[in-house]
């Protein structure tokens, strides 16, 4: 599809308040293939204000939301080739980048002393098939054990165990001091230890 057709189709969708997933994916692929400025302009016009609004709803002030939304669009321009329409929509891809970028900024501003080498903050190694089965069994046991915890502790365990969030990410999401998150998790794991011995 020619760029002019892509842009016209996407622009028409925007005017009616709709969202044409395939047309937007065509645009980003045009940016990836030949750094198509018209396709990028279509994406920018549609997404930049929506990303700004999304970031403001998450709690970012207008100047920061504006800055971050522009950074997300710059990331789109530079890394459009990483987008895979089979894996997600353009909107999902961009909103995820925006959320992660906001977390990075908050982590830097609110938790400047966090240790990036903390084992709890490092990504996990690739999981083997047999490990995946064992992990599923562990998850069932952990979910059952969580029911014995106070709600405030159980919620943090869910974020750390099931979503794989770092302490800093949990603190941001729950609007809690980092120290409070760490102490609640320590207490929760201590309570779970007996019932999960040899499981986690």
N, C-alpha and C. Protein backbone atom coordinates (compact mmCIF):
# COMPACT_ATOMS: atom_id res chain seq x y z
N UNK A 1 0.84 -1.19 0.00
CA UNK A 1 0.00 0.00 0.00
C UNK A 1 0.88 1.24 0.00
N UNK A 2 0.58 2.20 -0.88
CA UNK A 2 1.38 3.42 -0.95
C UNK A 2 1.21 4.24 0.30
N UNK A 3 2.25 5.05 0.60
CA UNK A 3 2.23 5.85 1.82
C UNK A 3 1.04 6.79 1.84
N UNK A 4 0.73 7.43 0.69
CA UNK A 4 -0.38 8.37 0.65
C UNK A 4 -1.69 7.68 0.99
N UNK A 5 -1.84 6.42 0.54
CA UNK A 5 -3.05 5.67 0.84
C UNK A 5 -3.11 5.29 2.31
N UNK A 6 -1.95 4.91 2.85
CA UNK A 6 -1.88 4.57 4.26
C UNK A 6 -2.29 5.77 5.10
N UNK A 7 -1.67 6.92 4.82
CA UNK A 7 -1.93 8.12 5.60
C UNK A 7 -3.37 8.56 5.50
N UNK A 8 -3.92 8.51 4.29
CA UNK A 8 -5.30 8.94 4.10
C UNK A 8 -6.25 8.03 4.87
N UNK A 9 -5.97 6.73 4.79
CA UNK A 9 -6.83 5.76 5.48
C UNK A 9 -6.78 5.98 6.99
N UNK A 10 -5.54 6.17 7.53
CA UNK A 10 -5.38 6.37 8.96
C UNK A 10 -6.00 7.68 9.40
N UNK A 11 -5.79 8.74 8.60
CA UNK A 11 -6.34 10.04 8.95
C UNK A 11 -7.85 9.98 8.99
N UNK A 12 -8.43 9.28 8.04
CA UNK A 12 -9.88 9.16 8.02
C UNK A 12 -10.39 8.46 9.26
N UNK A 13 -9.65 7.44 9.71
CA UNK A 13 -10.06 6.71 10.91
C UNK A 13 -10.02 7.63 12.11
N UNK A 14 -8.98 8.47 12.18
CA UNK A 14 -8.84 9.37 13.31
C UNK A 14 -9.97 10.36 13.39
N UNK A 15 -10.45 10.84 12.25
CA UNK A 15 -11.50 11.85 12.24
C UNK A 15 -12.81 11.30 12.77
N UNK A 16 -13.03 10.03 12.57
CA UNK A 16 -14.27 9.45 13.04
C UNK A 16 -14.13 8.87 14.43
N UNK A 17 -12.98 9.05 15.02
CA UNK A 17 -12.76 8.58 16.38
C UNK A 17 -12.38 7.12 16.44
N UNK A 18 -12.24 6.46 15.26
CA UNK A 18 -11.89 5.05 15.24
C UNK A 18 -10.39 4.84 15.27
N UNK A 19 -10.01 3.56 15.24
CA UNK A 19 -8.59 3.22 15.23
C UNK A 19 -8.40 2.06 14.28
N UNK A 20 -7.70 2.31 13.19
CA UNK A 20 -7.47 1.28 12.17
C UNK A 20 -6.14 0.60 12.46
N UNK A 21 -6.22 -0.54 13.13
CA UNK A 21 -5.01 -1.25 13.57
C UNK A 21 -4.08 -1.58 12.40
N UNK A 22 -4.66 -2.10 11.32
CA UNK A 22 -3.83 -2.52 10.19
C UNK A 22 -3.19 -1.33 9.49
N UNK A 23 -3.92 -0.24 9.36
CA UNK A 23 -3.36 0.94 8.71
C UNK A 23 -2.20 1.51 9.52
N UNK A 24 -2.34 1.52 10.84
CA UNK A 24 -1.26 2.02 11.69
C UNK A 24 -0.05 1.11 11.60
N UNK A 25 -0.30 -0.20 11.53
CA UNK A 25 0.81 -1.16 11.38
C UNK A 25 1.50 -0.95 10.03
N UNK A 26 0.72 -0.66 9.00
CA UNK A 26 1.30 -0.35 7.68
C UNK A 26 2.22 0.87 7.78
N UNK A 27 1.77 1.87 8.53
CA UNK A 27 2.56 3.10 8.68
C UNK A 27 3.90 2.81 9.36
N UNK A 28 3.86 2.05 10.44
CA UNK A 28 5.10 1.82 11.17
C UNK A 28 6.05 0.95 10.35
N UNK A 29 5.50 0.06 9.54
CA UNK A 29 6.35 -0.75 8.68
C UNK A 29 6.96 0.10 7.57
N UNK A 30 6.24 1.13 7.14
CA UNK A 30 6.79 2.05 6.15
C UNK A 30 7.94 2.85 6.74
N UNK A 31 7.79 3.22 8.01
CA UNK A 31 8.88 3.94 8.71
C UNK A 31 10.09 3.01 8.82
N UNK A 32 9.86 1.76 9.17
CA UNK A 32 10.95 0.80 9.33
C UNK A 32 11.67 0.53 8.01
N UNK A 33 10.88 0.41 6.95
CA UNK A 33 11.45 0.01 5.66
C UNK A 33 12.22 1.14 4.98
N UNK A 34 11.70 2.37 5.06
CA UNK A 34 12.32 3.45 4.29
C UNK A 34 12.28 4.81 4.98
N UNK A 35 12.13 4.76 6.32
CA UNK A 35 12.06 6.01 7.09
C UNK A 35 11.08 6.99 6.45
N UNK A 36 9.89 6.49 6.20
CA UNK A 36 8.84 7.26 5.53
C UNK A 36 8.33 8.36 6.46
N UNK A 37 8.61 9.59 6.12
CA UNK A 37 8.25 10.73 6.97
C UNK A 37 6.75 10.98 7.00
N UNK A 38 6.08 10.74 5.90
CA UNK A 38 4.63 10.96 5.87
C UNK A 38 3.93 9.94 6.76
N UNK A 39 4.39 8.70 6.72
CA UNK A 39 3.81 7.67 7.58
C UNK A 39 4.09 8.00 9.04
N UNK A 40 5.29 8.49 9.32
CA UNK A 40 5.63 8.86 10.69
C UNK A 40 4.75 10.02 11.16
N UNK A 41 4.51 10.98 10.28
CA UNK A 41 3.67 12.12 10.63
C UNK A 41 2.25 11.65 10.99
N UNK A 42 1.75 10.67 10.25
CA UNK A 42 0.43 10.12 10.56
C UNK A 42 0.42 9.48 11.94
N UNK A 43 1.45 8.70 12.24
CA UNK A 43 1.56 8.07 13.56
C UNK A 43 1.70 9.11 14.67
N UNK A 44 2.53 10.12 14.40
CA UNK A 44 2.76 11.17 15.40
C UNK A 44 1.47 11.92 15.69
N UNK A 45 0.77 12.32 14.65
CA UNK A 45 -0.46 13.10 14.83
C UNK A 45 -1.50 12.32 15.63
N UNK A 46 -1.55 11.02 15.41
CA UNK A 46 -2.55 10.21 16.11
C UNK A 46 -2.13 9.89 17.54
N UNK A 47 -0.88 9.43 17.70
CA UNK A 47 -0.48 8.89 18.99
C UNK A 47 0.10 9.90 19.98
N UNK A 48 0.83 10.91 19.52
CA UNK A 48 1.50 11.82 20.46
C UNK A 48 0.54 12.42 21.48
N UNK A 49 -0.61 12.99 21.08
CA UNK A 49 -1.52 13.55 22.08
C UNK A 49 -2.14 12.49 22.98
N UNK A 50 -2.38 11.30 22.43
CA UNK A 50 -2.97 10.23 23.23
C UNK A 50 -1.98 9.69 24.25
N UNK A 51 -0.71 9.59 23.85
CA UNK A 51 0.32 9.16 24.80
C UNK A 51 0.49 10.18 25.91
N UNK A 52 0.45 11.45 25.55
CA UNK A 52 0.56 12.51 26.56
C UNK A 52 -0.60 12.41 27.56
N UNK A 53 -1.81 12.22 27.06
CA UNK A 53 -2.96 12.08 27.94
C UNK A 53 -2.85 10.86 28.83
N UNK A 54 -2.37 9.76 28.27
CA UNK A 54 -2.18 8.52 29.04
C UNK A 54 -1.18 8.72 30.17
N UNK A 55 -0.06 9.37 29.86
CA UNK A 55 0.97 9.60 30.86
C UNK A 55 0.48 10.54 31.95
N UNK A 56 -0.34 11.53 31.59
CA UNK A 56 -0.89 12.44 32.59
C UNK A 56 -1.87 11.70 33.50
N UNK A 57 -2.63 10.75 32.94
CA UNK A 57 -3.54 9.95 33.77
C UNK A 57 -2.77 9.08 34.75
N UNK A 58 -1.55 8.69 34.36
CA UNK A 58 -0.72 7.89 35.26
C UNK A 58 -0.09 8.74 36.35
N UNK A 59 -0.22 10.07 36.23
CA UNK A 59 0.29 10.94 37.28
C UNK A 59 1.42 11.86 36.87
N UNK A 60 1.86 11.78 35.63
CA UNK A 60 2.93 12.67 35.18
C UNK A 60 2.38 14.07 34.95
N UNK A 61 3.15 15.10 35.31
CA UNK A 61 2.76 16.46 35.03
C UNK A 61 2.79 16.71 33.53
N UNK A 62 2.13 17.77 33.09
CA UNK A 62 2.04 18.03 31.65
C UNK A 62 3.41 18.16 30.97
N UNK A 63 4.37 18.92 31.56
CA UNK A 63 5.68 19.03 30.88
C UNK A 63 6.37 17.68 30.71
N UNK A 64 6.34 16.86 31.77
CA UNK A 64 6.98 15.54 31.69
C UNK A 64 6.23 14.65 30.71
N UNK A 65 4.91 14.68 30.76
CA UNK A 65 4.12 13.87 29.83
C UNK A 65 4.42 14.25 28.39
N UNK A 66 4.56 15.55 28.14
CA UNK A 66 4.89 16.02 26.79
C UNK A 66 6.26 15.51 26.37
N UNK A 67 7.22 15.63 27.28
CA UNK A 67 8.58 15.18 26.98
C UNK A 67 8.64 13.68 26.72
N UNK A 68 7.97 12.91 27.58
CA UNK A 68 8.01 11.46 27.43
C UNK A 68 7.29 11.00 26.17
N UNK A 69 6.17 11.64 25.85
CA UNK A 69 5.45 11.25 24.63
C UNK A 69 6.31 11.49 23.39
N UNK A 70 7.08 12.58 23.41
CA UNK A 70 7.97 12.85 22.29
C UNK A 70 9.11 11.84 22.23
N UNK A 71 9.60 11.44 23.40
CA UNK A 71 10.65 10.43 23.45
C UNK A 71 10.15 9.10 22.89
N UNK A 72 8.89 8.78 23.21
CA UNK A 72 8.32 7.53 22.69
C UNK A 72 8.25 7.57 21.17
N UNK A 73 7.86 8.71 20.63
CA UNK A 73 7.77 8.82 19.17
C UNK A 73 9.16 8.79 18.52
N UNK A 74 10.15 9.33 19.20
CA UNK A 74 11.52 9.22 18.70
C UNK A 74 11.96 7.75 18.69
N UNK A 75 11.58 7.04 19.75
CA UNK A 75 11.89 5.61 19.82
C UNK A 75 11.21 4.87 18.67
N UNK A 76 9.99 5.25 18.36
CA UNK A 76 9.29 4.64 17.23
C UNK A 76 10.09 4.85 15.95
N UNK A 77 10.56 6.07 15.73
CA UNK A 77 11.31 6.40 14.51
C UNK A 77 12.59 5.56 14.42
N UNK A 78 13.28 5.43 15.56
CA UNK A 78 14.56 4.74 15.57
C UNK A 78 14.43 3.22 15.56
N UNK A 79 13.37 2.71 16.18
CA UNK A 79 13.27 1.27 16.39
C UNK A 79 12.01 0.66 15.76
N UNK A 80 11.50 1.32 14.75
CA UNK A 80 10.29 0.81 14.09
C UNK A 80 10.48 -0.62 13.59
N UNK A 81 11.72 -0.96 13.23
CA UNK A 81 12.00 -2.30 12.74
C UNK A 81 11.79 -3.39 13.77
N UNK A 82 11.72 -3.02 15.05
CA UNK A 82 11.50 -4.01 16.11
C UNK A 82 10.03 -4.34 16.30
N UNK A 83 9.16 -3.53 15.69
CA UNK A 83 7.73 -3.77 15.81
C UNK A 83 7.32 -5.01 15.02
N UNK A 84 6.48 -5.85 15.63
CA UNK A 84 5.98 -7.06 14.97
C UNK A 84 4.45 -7.06 15.08
N UNK A 85 3.78 -6.83 13.97
CA UNK A 85 2.32 -6.72 13.99
C UNK A 85 1.66 -8.03 14.40
N UNK A 86 2.38 -9.15 14.32
CA UNK A 86 1.82 -10.42 14.73
C UNK A 86 1.81 -10.56 16.26
N UNK A 87 2.66 -9.78 16.92
CA UNK A 87 2.78 -9.86 18.37
C UNK A 87 1.87 -8.87 19.10
N UNK A 88 1.69 -7.69 18.53
CA UNK A 88 0.86 -6.67 19.20
C UNK A 88 0.45 -5.60 18.20
N UNK A 89 -0.46 -4.76 18.64
CA UNK A 89 -0.86 -3.62 17.83
C UNK A 89 0.14 -2.49 18.05
N UNK A 90 0.12 -1.49 17.18
CA UNK A 90 1.00 -0.33 17.34
C UNK A 90 0.70 0.35 18.66
N UNK A 91 -0.58 0.48 19.00
CA UNK A 91 -0.95 1.17 20.24
C UNK A 91 -0.39 0.45 21.46
N UNK A 92 -0.53 -0.88 21.49
CA UNK A 92 -0.01 -1.65 22.63
C UNK A 92 1.50 -1.48 22.74
N UNK A 93 2.18 -1.54 21.62
CA UNK A 93 3.64 -1.39 21.59
C UNK A 93 4.05 -0.03 22.13
N UNK A 94 3.40 1.03 21.66
CA UNK A 94 3.78 2.38 22.08
C UNK A 94 3.40 2.68 23.52
N UNK A 95 2.23 2.23 23.96
CA UNK A 95 1.82 2.48 25.34
C UNK A 95 2.74 1.72 26.32
N UNK A 96 3.21 0.55 25.92
CA UNK A 96 4.15 -0.19 26.77
C UNK A 96 5.47 0.57 26.86
N UNK A 97 5.95 1.10 25.75
CA UNK A 97 7.18 1.89 25.77
C UNK A 97 7.00 3.12 26.68
N UNK A 98 5.84 3.77 26.56
CA UNK A 98 5.56 4.96 27.37
C UNK A 98 5.55 4.62 28.86
N UNK A 99 4.88 3.53 29.21
CA UNK A 99 4.82 3.14 30.63
C UNK A 99 6.21 2.82 31.17
N UNK A 100 6.98 2.07 30.39
CA UNK A 100 8.33 1.71 30.85
C UNK A 100 9.23 2.93 30.96
N UNK A 101 9.07 3.86 30.03
CA UNK A 101 9.89 5.08 30.08
C UNK A 101 9.55 5.89 31.31
N UNK A 102 8.26 5.96 31.66
CA UNK A 102 7.84 6.69 32.86
C UNK A 102 8.41 6.04 34.11
N UNK A 103 8.39 4.71 34.15
CA UNK A 103 8.94 3.99 35.30
C UNK A 103 10.43 4.28 35.43
N UNK A 104 11.14 4.31 34.31
CA UNK A 104 12.58 4.62 34.34
C UNK A 104 12.82 6.00 34.95
N UNK A 105 12.01 6.98 34.55
CA UNK A 105 12.18 8.34 35.05
C UNK A 105 11.87 8.40 36.55
N UNK A 106 10.78 7.77 36.96
CA UNK A 106 10.40 7.78 38.37
C UNK A 106 11.44 7.06 39.23
N UNK A 107 11.95 5.96 38.69
CA UNK A 107 12.98 5.22 39.42
C UNK A 107 14.21 6.09 39.63
N UNK A 108 14.59 6.81 38.58
CA UNK A 108 15.76 7.68 38.67
C UNK A 108 15.53 8.83 39.65
N UNK A 109 14.33 9.41 39.59
CA UNK A 109 14.05 10.59 40.42
C UNK A 109 13.73 10.25 41.86
N UNK A 110 12.95 9.18 42.06
CA UNK A 110 12.48 8.86 43.41
C UNK A 110 13.39 7.89 44.14
N UNK A 111 14.08 7.04 43.38
CA UNK A 111 14.93 6.02 44.00
C UNK A 111 16.33 6.07 43.43
N UNK A 112 17.03 7.19 43.60
CA UNK A 112 18.36 7.32 42.99
C UNK A 112 19.40 6.38 43.57
N UNK A 113 19.11 5.83 44.75
CA UNK A 113 20.11 4.99 45.42
C UNK A 113 19.86 3.50 45.26
N UNK A 114 18.90 3.12 44.40
CA UNK A 114 18.66 1.68 44.26
C UNK A 114 19.87 1.02 43.60
N UNK A 115 20.09 -0.23 43.96
CA UNK A 115 21.25 -0.97 43.47
C UNK A 115 20.88 -1.73 42.20
N UNK A 116 21.40 -1.32 41.03
CA UNK A 116 21.04 -2.00 39.78
C UNK A 116 21.56 -3.43 39.72
N UNK A 117 22.50 -3.78 40.62
CA UNK A 117 23.03 -5.14 40.64
C UNK A 117 22.30 -6.04 41.63
N UNK A 118 21.27 -5.49 42.29
CA UNK A 118 20.46 -6.29 43.21
C UNK A 118 19.91 -7.49 42.43
N UNK A 119 20.17 -8.73 42.88
CA UNK A 119 19.69 -9.92 42.15
C UNK A 119 18.20 -9.89 41.86
N UNK A 120 17.43 -9.25 42.74
CA UNK A 120 15.99 -9.19 42.54
C UNK A 120 15.60 -8.29 41.37
N UNK A 121 16.54 -7.43 40.93
CA UNK A 121 16.25 -6.51 39.84
C UNK A 121 16.80 -7.01 38.51
N UNK A 122 17.54 -8.11 38.53
CA UNK A 122 18.13 -8.63 37.30
C UNK A 122 17.15 -9.52 36.56
N UNK A 123 17.17 -9.51 35.22
CA UNK A 123 16.26 -10.37 34.46
C UNK A 123 16.59 -11.84 34.66
N UNK A 124 15.57 -12.66 34.57
CA UNK A 124 15.76 -14.10 34.74
C UNK A 124 16.35 -14.71 33.47
N UNK A 125 17.04 -15.83 33.65
CA UNK A 125 17.57 -16.55 32.50
C UNK A 125 16.41 -17.24 31.77
N UNK A 126 16.65 -17.57 30.51
CA UNK A 126 15.62 -18.25 29.71
C UNK A 126 15.22 -19.56 30.38
N UNK A 127 13.93 -19.82 30.44
CA UNK A 127 13.41 -20.98 31.14
C UNK A 127 13.31 -22.18 30.20
N UNK A 128 13.77 -23.34 30.68
CA UNK A 128 13.70 -24.57 29.91
C UNK A 128 12.30 -25.19 30.07
N UNK A 129 11.90 -26.07 29.12
CA UNK A 129 10.55 -26.66 29.17
C UNK A 129 10.23 -27.35 30.50
N UNK A 130 11.17 -28.17 31.01
CA UNK A 130 10.89 -28.86 32.27
C UNK A 130 10.80 -27.88 33.43
N UNK A 131 11.56 -26.79 33.33
CA UNK A 131 11.49 -25.77 34.36
C UNK A 131 10.14 -25.06 34.31
N UNK A 132 9.59 -24.90 33.11
CA UNK A 132 8.30 -24.24 32.96
C UNK A 132 7.20 -25.05 33.65
N UNK A 133 7.27 -26.39 33.51
CA UNK A 133 6.28 -27.25 34.17
C UNK A 133 6.39 -27.12 35.67
N UNK A 134 7.62 -27.16 36.16
CA UNK A 134 7.84 -27.02 37.60
C UNK A 134 7.37 -25.66 38.09
N UNK A 135 7.60 -24.65 37.27
CA UNK A 135 7.18 -23.30 37.66
C UNK A 135 5.66 -23.23 37.78
N UNK A 136 4.96 -23.92 36.88
CA UNK A 136 3.50 -23.93 36.94
C UNK A 136 3.01 -24.57 38.22
N UNK A 137 3.67 -25.65 38.63
CA UNK A 137 3.29 -26.32 39.88
C UNK A 137 3.57 -25.42 41.08
N UNK A 138 4.70 -24.72 41.02
CA UNK A 138 5.03 -23.80 42.12
C UNK A 138 3.99 -22.69 42.21
N UNK A 139 3.56 -22.21 41.04
CA UNK A 139 2.60 -21.10 41.02
C UNK A 139 1.30 -21.50 41.71
N UNK A 140 0.84 -22.73 41.48
CA UNK A 140 -0.39 -23.21 42.11
C UNK A 140 -0.24 -23.22 43.63
N UNK A 141 0.91 -23.71 44.10
CA UNK A 141 1.15 -23.76 45.54
C UNK A 141 1.24 -22.37 46.14
N UNK A 142 1.90 -21.46 45.41
CA UNK A 142 2.05 -20.10 45.91
C UNK A 142 0.70 -19.40 45.99
N UNK A 143 -0.14 -19.59 44.97
CA UNK A 143 -1.46 -18.96 44.99
C UNK A 143 -2.28 -19.42 46.19
N UNK A 144 -2.18 -20.71 46.51
CA UNK A 144 -2.91 -21.23 47.67
C UNK A 144 -2.36 -20.63 48.96
N UNK A 145 -1.04 -20.51 49.04
CA UNK A 145 -0.42 -19.97 50.25
C UNK A 145 -0.72 -18.49 50.41
N UNK A 146 -0.91 -17.79 49.31
CA UNK A 146 -1.19 -16.36 49.38
C UNK A 146 -2.48 -16.06 50.12
N UNK A 147 -3.40 -16.99 50.07
CA UNK A 147 -4.69 -16.78 50.73
C UNK A 147 -4.54 -16.68 52.24
N UNK A 148 -3.42 -17.10 52.77
CA UNK A 148 -3.20 -17.03 54.22
C UNK A 148 -2.59 -15.69 54.65
N UNK A 149 -2.21 -14.86 53.67
CA UNK A 149 -1.55 -13.59 53.98
C UNK A 149 -2.54 -12.44 54.06
N UNK A 150 -2.17 -11.38 54.83
CA UNK A 150 -2.98 -10.15 54.79
C UNK A 150 -2.99 -9.61 53.37
N UNK A 151 -4.06 -8.94 52.99
CA UNK A 151 -4.22 -8.47 51.61
C UNK A 151 -3.08 -7.58 51.16
N UNK A 152 -2.59 -6.69 52.04
CA UNK A 152 -1.54 -5.75 51.64
C UNK A 152 -0.23 -6.47 51.31
N UNK A 153 0.03 -7.59 51.99
CA UNK A 153 1.22 -8.38 51.70
C UNK A 153 1.02 -9.25 50.46
N UNK A 154 -0.16 -9.82 50.36
CA UNK A 154 -0.46 -10.71 49.23
C UNK A 154 -0.36 -9.95 47.91
N UNK A 155 -0.84 -8.71 47.89
CA UNK A 155 -0.80 -7.91 46.67
C UNK A 155 0.63 -7.69 46.20
N UNK A 156 1.53 -7.39 47.12
CA UNK A 156 2.93 -7.16 46.75
C UNK A 156 3.59 -8.45 46.27
N UNK A 157 3.26 -9.56 46.90
CA UNK A 157 3.81 -10.85 46.47
C UNK A 157 3.35 -11.16 45.04
N UNK A 158 2.10 -10.87 44.73
CA UNK A 158 1.58 -11.13 43.39
C UNK A 158 2.34 -10.32 42.35
N UNK A 159 2.59 -9.06 42.66
CA UNK A 159 3.31 -8.21 41.72
C UNK A 159 4.75 -8.69 41.52
N UNK A 160 5.38 -9.11 42.62
CA UNK A 160 6.77 -9.55 42.54
C UNK A 160 6.90 -10.94 41.91
N UNK A 161 6.00 -11.87 42.30
CA UNK A 161 6.13 -13.27 41.88
C UNK A 161 5.51 -13.52 40.52
N UNK A 162 4.28 -13.06 40.31
CA UNK A 162 3.57 -13.38 39.08
C UNK A 162 3.88 -12.41 37.94
N UNK A 163 4.12 -11.12 38.27
CA UNK A 163 4.42 -10.16 37.22
C UNK A 163 5.92 -9.93 37.05
N UNK A 164 6.70 -10.36 38.04
CA UNK A 164 8.14 -10.22 37.94
C UNK A 164 8.62 -8.78 38.11
N UNK A 165 7.84 -7.96 38.81
CA UNK A 165 8.23 -6.56 38.99
C UNK A 165 9.34 -6.42 40.01
N UNK A 166 10.18 -5.42 39.83
CA UNK A 166 11.22 -5.12 40.81
C UNK A 166 10.59 -4.39 41.99
N UNK A 167 11.35 -4.29 43.10
CA UNK A 167 10.86 -3.56 44.26
C UNK A 167 10.51 -2.12 43.89
N UNK A 168 11.34 -1.51 43.06
CA UNK A 168 11.12 -0.11 42.68
C UNK A 168 9.84 0.04 41.87
N UNK A 169 9.59 -0.87 40.95
CA UNK A 169 8.37 -0.81 40.14
C UNK A 169 7.14 -0.98 41.00
N UNK A 170 7.22 -1.89 41.99
CA UNK A 170 6.09 -2.10 42.90
C UNK A 170 5.85 -0.84 43.72
N UNK A 171 6.92 -0.22 44.20
CA UNK A 171 6.78 0.99 45.01
C UNK A 171 6.09 2.09 44.22
N UNK A 172 6.46 2.23 42.95
CA UNK A 172 5.85 3.24 42.10
C UNK A 172 4.39 2.94 41.87
N UNK A 173 4.09 1.70 41.51
CA UNK A 173 2.71 1.32 41.20
C UNK A 173 1.80 1.45 42.40
N UNK A 174 2.29 1.07 43.58
CA UNK A 174 1.46 1.08 44.79
C UNK A 174 1.56 2.39 45.57
N UNK A 175 2.41 3.29 45.08
CA UNK A 175 2.61 4.58 45.75
C UNK A 175 3.05 4.38 47.21
N UNK A 176 4.07 3.54 47.37
CA UNK A 176 4.60 3.23 48.69
C UNK A 176 6.10 3.53 48.72
N UNK A 177 6.63 3.86 49.90
CA UNK A 177 8.09 4.01 50.01
C UNK A 177 8.77 2.68 49.70
N UNK A 178 9.95 2.75 49.10
CA UNK A 178 10.67 1.54 48.74
C UNK A 178 10.94 0.67 49.96
N UNK A 179 11.28 1.30 51.08
CA UNK A 179 11.55 0.55 52.31
C UNK A 179 10.33 -0.22 52.80
N UNK A 180 9.16 0.37 52.65
CA UNK A 180 7.92 -0.30 53.06
C UNK A 180 7.67 -1.54 52.21
N UNK A 181 7.91 -1.41 50.90
CA UNK A 181 7.73 -2.55 50.00
C UNK A 181 8.67 -3.68 50.40
N UNK A 182 9.93 -3.35 50.64
CA UNK A 182 10.91 -4.38 50.99
C UNK A 182 10.55 -5.07 52.31
N UNK A 183 10.13 -4.28 53.32
CA UNK A 183 9.83 -4.87 54.61
C UNK A 183 8.58 -5.76 54.54
N UNK A 184 7.57 -5.31 53.77
CA UNK A 184 6.36 -6.13 53.63
C UNK A 184 6.64 -7.43 52.90
N UNK A 185 7.48 -7.35 51.88
CA UNK A 185 7.82 -8.57 51.15
C UNK A 185 8.63 -9.54 52.01
N UNK A 186 9.56 -8.99 52.79
CA UNK A 186 10.34 -9.86 53.69
C UNK A 186 9.42 -10.58 54.67
N UNK A 187 8.47 -9.81 55.24
CA UNK A 187 7.54 -10.39 56.21
C UNK A 187 6.66 -11.44 55.56
N UNK A 188 6.19 -11.14 54.36
CA UNK A 188 5.33 -12.08 53.65
C UNK A 188 6.07 -13.37 53.32
N UNK A 189 7.30 -13.25 52.82
CA UNK A 189 8.07 -14.45 52.49
C UNK A 189 8.38 -15.28 53.73
N UNK A 190 8.58 -14.58 54.85
CA UNK A 190 8.85 -15.29 56.10
C UNK A 190 7.63 -16.13 56.49
N UNK A 191 6.43 -15.55 56.32
CA UNK A 191 5.20 -16.26 56.66
C UNK A 191 4.95 -17.44 55.72
N UNK A 192 5.36 -17.25 54.46
CA UNK A 192 5.12 -18.29 53.46
C UNK A 192 6.15 -19.43 53.53
N UNK A 193 7.27 -19.15 54.13
CA UNK A 193 8.41 -20.07 54.07
C UNK A 193 8.05 -21.48 54.52
N UNK A 194 7.33 -21.59 55.63
CA UNK A 194 6.99 -22.92 56.15
C UNK A 194 6.19 -23.74 55.16
N UNK A 195 5.14 -23.13 54.60
CA UNK A 195 4.27 -23.88 53.70
C UNK A 195 4.86 -24.10 52.31
N UNK A 196 5.88 -23.31 51.97
CA UNK A 196 6.47 -23.42 50.62
C UNK A 196 7.90 -23.94 50.66
N UNK A 197 8.30 -24.54 51.75
CA UNK A 197 9.67 -25.05 51.86
C UNK A 197 9.96 -26.00 50.71
N UNK A 198 11.03 -25.67 49.95
CA UNK A 198 11.40 -26.49 48.82
C UNK A 198 10.63 -26.18 47.54
N UNK A 199 9.73 -25.16 47.62
CA UNK A 199 8.92 -24.82 46.45
C UNK A 199 9.41 -23.55 45.78
N UNK A 200 9.75 -22.52 46.55
CA UNK A 200 10.22 -21.27 45.98
C UNK A 200 11.59 -20.96 46.50
